[in-house]
């Protein structure tokens, strides 16, 4: 019996540890390549931005300004083809009104001018909600005790919602006629709610009175946490006529506070495993609160160059992100997990209910251009990569537990829009387009071929997944 329980917990639960994850650093429009988004550059672009990703660029803001509103009206769609089996697609759609930024700058005059900026930003990292079901009659259980086809009912549900809110304060000043430096501090609150639920049931095909006996396998895992972190950024800017350079160095996220909760329930009943005379029954359950949480982000270095030409500007940028080794976002307490187990058969939640993460090092690239359409109307166009940072090699192959993310594909972004400039304000608007796809998305469940050997969960394979989103950005910046 110990061998059977070990196999279930290490194989069936481990299916969640090898599933794909969303891990993309430049998905928010406010990134070093978000050329259309006000302030989303690290080389001087004569922008109307209130808050700059490169704090050194604040030195070139000679007027106090305030952003009354910067919102994105966004539609997003994630589609995993045959995600739970043939014809059982997993589709998630969302519509959001994102209050992306409220910010202001205060320019201090004097012999050594200094500009301070502060902002409140919001980034809905992902909103993913899917469910699917297979209700059919086909051969599931071994014919030795259930000859012919069985009635099978499989249900799957997965929810992953992540939101980040940050408060930023920055300062920048000119160290010389061509050189500026700055520093910023960002306090971030990250909240995530994750829910995974799957159940598989097969009725024995036997003749008799009353309701038939059935095999039942169920797994549910719910995790929620908040993490408060702090990170710092140093910025440098060089301005020499038509040529502009920018450099930023961002620290890892320093942990300040956080707390997480876990709820898990796993059941097996009346499942006859191969080469076993008796049926397998299992109940493993845990509820834990106020757990240790520590969400991590890596060191990053960004370098950008902008060149002025008649009527506009050309901009290129790249940012390198260091790797993050495997770690636990939520670490469960070491408590008894299997109910009714003898002491020599007991297992512990800390081995199977971890909520973990790991990331490889990547470099993203972006390019943008602006052109003066009219004296008070500037056009913008940009493209940038958003490479995925998943790496199975960073995970211990013997680990079980759950990964915190959903998508495993590279995403490519485009921005196009205009800026209307008046004496007292700037109005920026445009479209934000994103698309990503992969043919190597690993299923977490496959209702095509459930049987006793795979605990009625099927044999997961690779399939196609894609993500598309379109957003309308509106930003109003008032010159005080």
Protein backbone atom coordinates (compact mmCIF):
# COMPACT_ATOMS: atom_id res chain seq x y z
CA UNK A 1 0.00 0.00 0.00
CA UNK A 2 2.86 2.41 0.77
CA UNK A 3 4.19 1.95 -2.76
CA UNK A 4 0.77 2.73 -4.26
CA UNK A 5 0.33 5.88 -2.20
CA UNK A 6 3.83 7.02 -3.03
CA UNK A 7 3.18 6.48 -6.73
CA UNK A 8 -0.06 8.47 -6.60
CA UNK A 9 1.39 11.42 -4.71
CA UNK A 10 4.63 11.58 -6.67
CA UNK A 11 3.20 10.92 -10.13
CA UNK A 12 -0.36 12.24 -10.10
CA UNK A 13 0.46 15.38 -8.12
CA UNK A 14 3.76 15.79 -9.94
CA UNK A 15 1.81 16.35 -13.14
CA UNK A 16 1.19 19.82 -11.78
CA UNK A 17 4.89 20.41 -11.19
CA UNK A 18 5.72 19.90 -14.86
CA UNK A 19 2.97 22.06 -16.29
CA UNK A 20 3.74 25.30 -18.09
CA UNK A 21 3.85 28.70 -16.52
CA UNK A 22 3.38 32.31 -17.55
CA UNK A 23 6.67 34.13 -17.04
CA UNK A 24 7.04 37.28 -19.14
CA UNK A 25 8.64 40.48 -17.85
CA UNK A 26 7.52 42.98 -20.53
CA UNK A 27 3.78 42.22 -20.70
CA UNK A 28 2.80 45.54 -19.13
CA UNK A 29 2.78 48.47 -21.55
CA UNK A 30 4.84 50.42 -19.01
CA UNK A 31 8.19 48.78 -19.81
CA UNK A 32 11.47 50.08 -21.36
CA UNK A 33 10.14 49.33 -24.87
CA UNK A 34 6.65 50.82 -24.37
CA UNK A 35 7.47 53.71 -26.67
CA UNK A 36 3.86 54.90 -26.92
CA UNK A 37 3.21 54.82 -23.17
CA UNK A 38 4.25 58.15 -21.60
CA UNK A 39 7.52 57.79 -19.71
CA UNK A 40 8.15 54.19 -20.81
CA UNK A 41 11.65 54.84 -22.17
CA UNK A 42 15.14 54.94 -20.69
CA UNK A 43 16.79 57.26 -23.26
CA UNK A 44 15.68 60.89 -23.61
CA UNK A 45 12.88 61.04 -26.21
CA UNK A 46 11.52 64.55 -25.48
CA UNK A 47 8.44 62.79 -24.18
CA UNK A 48 5.45 64.22 -22.33
CA UNK A 49 5.89 61.51 -19.71
CA UNK A 50 5.26 62.40 -16.12
CA UNK A 51 7.04 59.44 -14.59
CA UNK A 52 10.02 57.85 -16.31
CA UNK A 53 11.30 54.28 -16.05
CA UNK A 54 14.75 55.81 -16.04
CA UNK A 55 14.75 58.21 -13.06
CA UNK A 56 17.65 60.17 -14.57
CA UNK A 57 15.29 61.47 -17.29
CA UNK A 58 13.40 63.43 -14.63
CA UNK A 59 16.30 65.88 -14.81
CA UNK A 60 15.02 67.00 -18.22
CA UNK A 61 11.52 67.74 -16.87
CA UNK A 62 11.62 71.46 -16.19
CA UNK A 63 7.91 71.86 -15.45
CA UNK A 64 5.71 70.43 -12.73
CA UNK A 65 3.11 68.12 -14.27
CA UNK A 66 0.34 65.77 -13.26
CA UNK A 67 -1.19 62.79 -15.02
CA UNK A 68 -4.92 62.97 -14.38
CA UNK A 69 -5.57 59.59 -15.94
CA UNK A 70 -3.74 56.83 -17.79
CA UNK A 71 -6.03 53.90 -18.50
CA UNK A 72 -6.07 50.89 -20.80
CA UNK A 73 -9.36 49.39 -22.00
CA UNK A 74 -8.27 45.84 -22.77
CA UNK A 75 -9.66 42.61 -24.20
CA UNK A 76 -7.63 39.41 -23.79
CA UNK A 77 -8.04 35.80 -24.88
CA UNK A 78 -6.08 32.64 -24.01
CA UNK A 79 -6.86 29.46 -25.98
CA UNK A 80 -5.32 26.06 -25.24
CA UNK A 81 -6.31 23.74 -28.08
CA UNK A 82 -7.36 20.29 -26.79
CA UNK A 83 -6.23 21.46 -23.37
CA UNK A 84 -8.14 18.73 -21.50
CA UNK A 85 -8.35 16.23 -24.37
CA UNK A 86 -9.39 16.03 -27.99
CA UNK A 87 -12.05 18.66 -28.66
CA UNK A 88 -11.89 19.86 -25.06
CA UNK A 89 -10.34 23.30 -25.53
CA UNK A 90 -9.54 25.56 -22.60
CA UNK A 91 -10.59 29.13 -23.37
CA UNK A 92 -10.29 32.16 -21.13
CA UNK A 93 -11.43 35.66 -22.10
CA UNK A 94 -11.29 38.86 -20.09
CA UNK A 95 -12.21 42.52 -20.47
CA UNK A 96 -10.57 45.03 -18.16
CA UNK A 97 -10.42 48.73 -17.54
CA UNK A 98 -6.92 49.13 -16.17
CA UNK A 99 -6.07 52.31 -14.22
CA UNK A 100 -2.45 52.05 -15.23
CA UNK A 101 -0.88 55.13 -13.70
CA UNK A 102 -1.53 58.23 -11.65
CA UNK A 103 1.61 60.34 -11.30
CA UNK A 104 3.09 63.78 -10.86
CA UNK A 105 6.42 65.58 -10.94
CA UNK A 106 7.66 68.54 -8.95
CA UNK A 107 10.50 70.57 -10.45
CA UNK A 108 12.69 72.36 -7.92
CA UNK A 109 14.45 75.41 -9.34
CA UNK A 110 17.78 76.79 -8.22
CA UNK A 111 21.48 76.60 -8.96
CA UNK A 112 21.19 72.80 -8.94
CA UNK A 113 17.74 71.97 -10.39
CA UNK A 114 16.23 68.77 -9.10
CA UNK A 115 13.01 66.99 -10.12
CA UNK A 116 11.01 64.61 -7.95
CA UNK A 117 8.39 62.26 -9.36
CA UNK A 118 5.91 59.94 -7.72
CA UNK A 119 3.38 57.51 -9.15
CA UNK A 120 0.91 54.77 -8.41
CA UNK A 121 0.79 51.98 -11.03
CA UNK A 122 -1.34 48.88 -11.48
CA UNK A 123 -0.56 45.79 -13.54
CA UNK A 124 -3.08 42.92 -13.89
CA UNK A 125 -0.52 40.23 -14.71
CA UNK A 126 -3.04 37.55 -15.67
CA UNK A 127 -6.74 36.75 -15.40
CA UNK A 128 -7.19 33.10 -16.35
CA UNK A 129 -10.40 31.12 -15.75
CA UNK A 130 -11.17 27.85 -17.55
CA UNK A 131 -13.29 24.76 -17.01
CA UNK A 132 -14.03 21.66 -19.09
CA UNK A 133 -15.84 18.32 -18.84
CA UNK A 134 -15.92 14.95 -20.59
CA UNK A 135 -19.16 12.99 -20.16
CA UNK A 136 -18.95 9.82 -22.29
CA UNK A 137 -19.05 6.02 -22.42
CA UNK A 138 -15.87 4.21 -23.50
CA UNK A 139 -13.43 1.62 -22.18
CA UNK A 140 -11.74 2.98 -19.07
CA UNK A 141 -11.39 0.18 -16.49
CA UNK A 142 -9.76 -3.20 -16.94
CA UNK A 143 -12.07 -5.84 -18.45
CA UNK A 144 -11.07 -8.37 -15.77
CA UNK A 145 -13.51 -6.78 -13.33
CA UNK A 146 -15.46 -4.32 -15.52
CA UNK A 147 -15.88 -5.82 -19.01
CA UNK A 148 -16.79 -3.52 -21.90
CA UNK A 149 -17.28 0.22 -21.89
CA UNK A 150 -17.78 2.30 -18.74
CA UNK A 151 -19.55 5.57 -18.14
CA UNK A 152 -16.86 8.19 -17.44
CA UNK A 153 -17.26 11.70 -16.05
CA UNK A 154 -14.22 13.98 -15.90
CA UNK A 155 -14.27 17.62 -14.79
CA UNK A 156 -11.47 20.19 -14.78
CA UNK A 157 -11.24 23.75 -13.46
CA UNK A 158 -8.30 26.15 -13.19
CA UNK A 159 -8.20 29.77 -12.04
CA UNK A 160 -5.11 31.97 -11.88
CA UNK A 161 -5.42 35.67 -11.06
CA UNK A 162 -2.39 37.90 -10.38
CA UNK A 163 -2.37 41.65 -9.73
CA UNK A 164 0.49 43.98 -8.88
CA UNK A 165 0.16 47.49 -7.47
CA UNK A 166 3.23 49.67 -6.96
CA UNK A 167 4.04 53.06 -5.46
CA UNK A 168 7.15 54.72 -6.90
CA UNK A 169 9.17 57.76 -5.87
CA UNK A 170 12.05 59.00 -8.02
CA UNK A 171 14.51 61.82 -8.22
CA UNK A 172 16.81 63.01 -10.99
CA UNK A 173 19.24 65.86 -11.58
CA UNK A 174 21.84 66.99 -14.09
CA UNK A 175 25.40 66.20 -13.06
CA UNK A 176 26.71 68.16 -16.07
CA UNK A 177 25.47 69.70 -19.31
CA UNK A 178 25.24 66.29 -20.97
CA UNK A 179 24.95 63.83 -18.09
CA UNK A 180 22.12 63.14 -15.62
CA UNK A 181 21.66 60.61 -12.86
CA UNK A 182 18.69 59.48 -10.79
CA UNK A 183 17.40 56.91 -8.34
CA UNK A 184 13.99 55.46 -7.62
CA UNK A 185 12.41 53.29 -4.95
CA UNK A 186 9.40 51.10 -5.66
CA UNK A 187 7.15 49.47 -3.10
CA UNK A 188 5.12 46.63 -4.61
CA UNK A 189 2.12 44.63 -3.44
CA UNK A 190 1.54 41.42 -5.37
CA UNK A 191 -1.61 39.35 -4.88
CA UNK A 192 -2.32 35.95 -6.41
CA UNK A 193 -5.28 33.57 -6.22
CA UNK A 194 -4.75 30.12 -7.69
CA UNK A 195 -7.29 27.28 -7.83
CA UNK A 196 -6.84 23.87 -9.44
CA UNK A 197 -9.56 21.22 -9.35
CA UNK A 198 -9.93 17.93 -11.24
CA UNK A 199 -12.19 14.92 -10.71
CA UNK A 200 -12.42 11.65 -12.64
CA UNK A 201 -15.12 8.98 -12.11
CA UNK A 202 -15.75 5.69 -13.91
CA UNK A 203 -18.75 3.46 -13.14
CA UNK A 204 -18.06 -0.28 -12.99
CA UNK A 205 -19.76 -2.10 -15.86
CA UNK A 206 -21.41 -4.84 -13.80
CA UNK A 207 -24.87 -6.36 -13.72
CA UNK A 208 -26.82 -5.91 -10.53
CA UNK A 209 -29.53 -4.06 -8.72
CA UNK A 210 -29.18 -0.53 -7.40
CA UNK A 211 -26.54 2.05 -8.22
CA UNK A 212 -23.26 0.63 -9.57
CA UNK A 213 -19.92 0.94 -7.77
CA UNK A 214 -17.50 3.44 -9.28
CA UNK A 215 -13.84 4.44 -9.14
CA UNK A 216 -13.24 8.01 -8.04
CA UNK A 217 -10.09 10.19 -8.14
CA UNK A 218 -10.24 13.84 -7.08
CA UNK A 219 -7.63 16.52 -6.57
CA UNK A 220 -8.08 20.14 -5.50
CA UNK A 221 -5.51 22.76 -4.58
CA UNK A 222 -6.22 26.37 -3.66
CA UNK A 223 -3.48 28.88 -2.86
CA UNK A 224 -3.66 32.60 -2.14
CA UNK A 225 -1.08 35.07 -0.94
CA UNK A 226 0.05 38.66 -0.82
CA UNK A 227 3.67 39.78 -0.93
CA UNK A 228 5.05 43.21 -0.10
CA UNK A 229 8.45 43.97 -1.60
CA UNK A 230 10.83 46.85 -2.19
CA UNK A 231 13.31 47.39 -4.99
CA UNK A 232 15.61 50.18 -6.10
CA UNK A 233 16.75 51.43 -9.47
CA UNK A 234 19.70 53.56 -10.50
CA UNK A 235 19.46 55.51 -13.74
CA UNK A 236 21.98 57.26 -15.98
CA UNK A 237 21.32 59.39 -19.05
CA UNK A 238 23.61 60.99 -21.64
CA UNK A 239 22.31 63.71 -23.97
CA UNK A 240 24.46 65.14 -26.78
CA UNK A 241 22.46 66.91 -29.44
CA UNK A 242 20.68 64.32 -31.58
CA UNK A 243 22.10 61.34 -29.69
CA UNK A 244 20.72 60.08 -26.36
CA UNK A 245 21.77 57.13 -24.18
CA UNK A 246 20.11 55.65 -21.12
CA UNK A 247 21.07 52.96 -18.64
CA UNK A 248 19.17 51.52 -15.68
CA UNK A 249 20.18 48.93 -13.09
CA UNK A 250 17.36 47.42 -11.01
CA UNK A 251 17.87 45.51 -7.79
CA UNK A 252 16.13 42.24 -6.90
CA UNK A 253 12.84 42.56 -5.04
CA UNK A 254 13.58 42.76 -1.33
CA UNK A 255 11.05 40.98 0.85
CA UNK A 256 9.21 43.16 3.38
CA UNK A 257 6.11 41.22 4.39
CA UNK A 258 3.66 38.62 3.15
CA UNK A 259 1.28 35.85 4.08
CA UNK A 260 -0.29 32.89 2.29
CA UNK A 261 -3.02 30.27 2.69
CA UNK A 262 -3.36 26.75 1.32
CA UNK A 263 -6.31 24.38 1.04
CA UNK A 264 -5.91 20.93 -0.48
CA UNK A 265 -8.04 17.81 -0.74
CA UNK A 266 -7.11 14.59 -2.55
CA UNK A 267 -9.21 11.43 -2.73
CA UNK A 268 -9.02 7.98 -4.29
CA UNK A 269 -11.82 5.47 -3.76
CA UNK A 270 -12.49 2.01 -5.20
CA UNK A 271 -9.70 2.19 -7.76
CA UNK A 272 -8.21 -1.19 -8.62
CA UNK A 273 -4.60 -0.60 -9.58
CA UNK A 274 -2.72 -3.12 -11.80
CA UNK A 275 -1.35 -6.22 -10.07
CA UNK A 276 -3.16 -5.42 -6.82
CA UNK A 277 -5.89 -7.61 -5.34
CA UNK A 278 -7.55 -4.89 -3.28
CA UNK A 279 -8.96 -1.53 -4.23
CA UNK A 280 -7.02 1.63 -3.46
CA UNK A 281 -8.53 4.23 -1.14
CA UNK A 282 -6.86 7.43 -0.07
CA UNK A 283 -7.80 10.65 1.71
CA UNK A 284 -5.16 13.38 1.94
CA UNK A 285 -6.21 16.79 3.20
CA UNK A 286 -4.67 19.97 4.58
CA UNK A 287 -5.65 23.53 5.40
CA UNK A 288 -2.91 25.95 6.45
CA UNK A 289 -3.03 29.68 7.12
CA UNK A 290 -0.54 32.50 7.75
CA UNK A 291 2.24 30.75 5.85
CA UNK A 292 5.63 32.19 4.96
CA UNK A 293 5.65 33.93 1.56
CA UNK A 294 8.58 35.26 -0.46
CA UNK A 295 8.11 36.29 -4.10
CA UNK A 296 11.33 37.06 -6.04
CA UNK A 297 12.36 39.10 -9.06
CA UNK A 298 15.92 39.19 -10.44
CA UNK A 299 18.51 41.86 -11.07
CA UNK A 300 17.99 43.53 -14.45
CA UNK A 301 20.03 45.90 -16.61
CA UNK A 302 18.51 47.96 -19.45
CA UNK A 303 20.30 49.98 -22.12
CA UNK A 304 18.61 52.30 -24.61
CA UNK A 305 19.61 54.60 -27.46
CA UNK A 306 17.56 57.31 -29.16
CA UNK A 307 18.48 59.31 -32.26
CA UNK A 308 16.67 62.46 -33.41
CA UNK A 309 15.91 63.00 -37.06
CA UNK A 310 13.86 65.59 -38.88
CA UNK A 311 10.36 65.44 -37.50
CA UNK A 312 10.84 62.54 -35.06
CA UNK A 313 13.04 60.04 -33.32
CA UNK A 314 14.29 56.45 -33.60
CA UNK A 315 14.66 54.33 -30.42
CA UNK A 316 16.17 50.93 -29.60
CA UNK A 317 16.39 49.23 -26.20
CA UNK A 318 17.33 45.94 -24.57
CA UNK A 319 17.00 44.62 -21.03
CA UNK A 320 18.76 41.66 -19.45
CA UNK A 321 17.15 39.71 -16.58
CA UNK A 322 19.26 37.38 -14.44
CA UNK A 323 18.08 33.87 -13.58
CA UNK A 324 16.21 32.92 -10.42
CA UNK A 325 16.90 29.47 -8.98
CA UNK A 326 14.08 27.26 -7.74
CA UNK A 327 12.41 28.58 -4.59
CA UNK A 328 9.08 28.42 -2.76
CA UNK A 329 6.66 31.32 -3.06
CA UNK A 330 4.60 29.62 -0.37
CA UNK A 331 6.26 27.12 1.98
CA UNK A 332 3.77 24.79 3.74
CA UNK A 333 4.23 23.70 7.31
CA UNK A 334 5.38 20.14 7.95
CA UNK A 335 2.11 18.56 8.99
CA UNK A 336 0.44 15.18 8.53
CA UNK A 337 -1.20 14.96 5.13
CA UNK A 338 -2.65 11.46 4.63
CA UNK A 339 -5.58 10.75 6.92
CA UNK A 340 -5.70 7.38 8.67
CA UNK A 341 -2.17 6.40 7.62
CA UNK A 342 0.04 4.40 9.91
CA UNK A 343 3.17 6.10 11.10
CA UNK A 344 5.43 4.30 8.63
CA UNK A 345 3.14 5.27 5.72
CA UNK A 346 2.67 8.93 6.60
CA UNK A 347 3.64 11.78 4.31
CA UNK A 348 3.86 15.51 4.94
CA UNK A 349 2.33 18.52 3.23
CA UNK A 350 5.67 20.31 2.87
CA UNK A 351 6.74 17.71 0.28
CA UNK A 352 3.67 17.89 -1.99
CA UNK A 353 1.96 21.26 -1.57
CA UNK A 354 4.76 23.71 -2.22
CA UNK A 355 3.96 26.69 -4.46
CA UNK A 356 7.21 27.26 -6.30
CA UNK A 357 8.92 29.17 -9.09
CA UNK A 358 12.18 29.28 -11.11
CA UNK A 359 13.31 31.42 -14.06
CA UNK A 360 16.08 31.38 -16.61
CA UNK A 361 17.99 34.48 -17.68
CA UNK A 362 16.62 36.27 -20.77
CA UNK A 363 17.13 39.46 -22.78
CA UNK A 364 14.22 41.36 -24.32
CA UNK A 365 14.52 43.81 -27.23
CA UNK A 366 12.44 46.71 -28.51
CA UNK A 367 12.42 49.26 -31.32
CA UNK A 368 10.28 52.36 -31.81
CA UNK A 369 9.92 55.44 -33.97
CA UNK A 370 8.04 58.73 -33.78
CA UNK A 371 7.20 61.17 -36.53
CA UNK A 372 5.80 64.71 -36.46
CA UNK A 373 2.54 64.55 -38.42
CA UNK A 374 1.54 68.14 -37.64
CA UNK A 375 3.05 70.85 -35.43
CA UNK A 376 0.92 69.66 -32.51
CA UNK A 377 0.49 65.98 -33.50
CA UNK A 378 3.13 63.27 -33.05
CA UNK A 379 2.72 59.68 -34.32
CA UNK A 380 4.25 56.62 -32.59
CA UNK A 381 4.97 53.05 -33.66
CA UNK A 382 6.91 50.38 -31.75
CA UNK A 383 7.56 46.63 -31.49
CA UNK A 384 9.09 44.57 -28.71
CA UNK A 385 9.69 41.00 -27.63
CA UNK A 386 8.50 39.44 -24.39
CA UNK A 387 10.42 36.19 -24.10
CA UNK A 388 9.27 33.51 -21.71
CA UNK A 389 11.67 32.65 -18.90
CA UNK A 390 10.63 29.05 -18.17
CA UNK A 391 13.42 26.55 -17.70
CA UNK A 392 12.71 22.98 -16.60
CA UNK A 393 16.45 22.60 -16.01
CA UNK A 394 16.22 24.91 -12.99
CA UNK A 395 13.81 22.58 -11.20
CA UNK A 396 14.79 19.53 -9.23
CA UNK A 397 13.34 16.58 -11.25
CA UNK A 398 12.46 14.81 -7.98
CA UNK A 399 10.37 17.73 -6.73
CA UNK A 400 6.60 17.62 -6.50
CA UNK A 401 4.37 20.56 -5.70
CA UNK A 402 2.65 23.19 -7.81
CA UNK A 403 3.92 25.91 -10.12
CA UNK A 404 2.34 29.31 -9.89
CA UNK A 405 1.85 30.20 -13.56
CA UNK A 406 -0.08 29.34 -16.70
CA UNK A 407 1.52 30.19 -20.08
CA UNK A 408 4.85 29.02 -21.56
CA UNK A 409 5.08 30.99 -24.79
CA UNK A 410 6.95 34.04 -26.09
CA UNK A 411 4.76 37.11 -26.61
CA UNK A 412 5.28 39.86 -29.19
CA UNK A 413 3.88 43.35 -28.74
CA UNK A 414 3.12 46.30 -31.00
CA UNK A 415 2.02 49.84 -30.14
CA UNK A 416 0.67 52.49 -32.47
CA UNK A 417 -0.82 55.86 -31.54
CA UNK A 418 -0.61 59.65 -31.42
CA UNK A 419 0.12 62.46 -29.01
CA UNK A 420 -1.79 65.75 -29.21
CA UNK A 421 0.24 68.56 -27.66
CA UNK A 422 -1.31 71.76 -26.34
CA UNK A 423 0.10 74.53 -24.17
CA UNK A 424 -1.43 73.20 -20.95
CA UNK A 425 -1.76 69.48 -21.65
CA UNK A 426 -0.81 66.42 -23.70
CA UNK A 427 -3.35 63.82 -24.80
CA UNK A 428 -1.87 60.42 -25.71
CA UNK A 429 -3.95 57.61 -27.22
CA UNK A 430 -3.30 54.45 -29.20
CA UNK A 431 -3.66 50.68 -29.63
CA UNK A 432 -1.69 48.04 -27.75
CA UNK A 433 -1.54 44.65 -29.53
CA UNK A 434 -0.05 41.40 -28.19
CA UNK A 435 0.22 37.86 -29.54
CA UNK A 436 1.97 34.69 -28.40
CA UNK A 437 1.77 31.02 -29.34
CA UNK A 438 3.46 27.64 -28.86
CA UNK A 439 3.01 24.06 -30.08
CA UNK A 440 4.70 22.71 -26.94
CA UNK A 441 2.10 23.39 -24.28
CA UNK A 442 2.00 20.46 -21.87
CA UNK A 443 -1.49 19.42 -20.76
CA UNK A 444 -2.14 19.03 -17.04
CA UNK A 445 -4.98 16.57 -17.66
CA UNK A 446 -5.99 14.44 -20.64
CA UNK A 447 -9.46 12.90 -20.61
CA UNK A 448 -8.73 10.99 -23.86
CA UNK A 449 -7.20 7.95 -22.19
CA UNK A 450 -7.96 7.69 -18.46
CA UNK A 451 -7.23 4.31 -16.85
CA UNK A 452 -6.11 2.77 -13.57
CA UNK A 453 -2.40 3.13 -14.36
CA UNK A 454 -2.59 6.93 -14.68
CA UNK A 455 -5.16 7.26 -11.86
CA UNK A 456 -7.91 8.24 -14.34
CA UNK A 457 -6.04 11.44 -15.23
CA UNK A 458 -4.90 10.35 -18.69
CA UNK A 459 -1.44 10.70 -20.18
CA UNK A 460 -0.69 14.41 -20.74
CA UNK A 461 0.82 15.37 -24.09
CA UNK A 462 1.83 18.53 -25.92
CA UNK A 463 -0.70 20.73 -27.65
CA UNK A 464 -1.06 24.26 -29.06
CA UNK A 465 -1.70 27.35 -26.93
CA UNK A 466 -2.08 30.99 -27.94
CA UNK A 467 -2.72 34.36 -26.36
CA UNK A 468 -4.05 37.54 -27.95
CA UNK A 469 -4.92 40.90 -26.46
CA UNK A 470 -5.84 44.34 -27.72
CA UNK A 471 -6.05 47.49 -25.65
CA UNK A 472 -6.98 51.11 -26.12
CA UNK A 473 -4.78 53.48 -24.09
CA UNK A 474 -5.92 56.95 -23.04
CA UNK A 475 -3.58 59.26 -21.14
CA UNK A 476 -4.07 62.89 -20.17
CA UNK A 477 -1.11 64.87 -18.85
CA UNK A 478 -1.62 68.34 -17.45
CA UNK A 479 1.15 70.93 -17.25
CA UNK A 480 0.83 72.85 -13.98
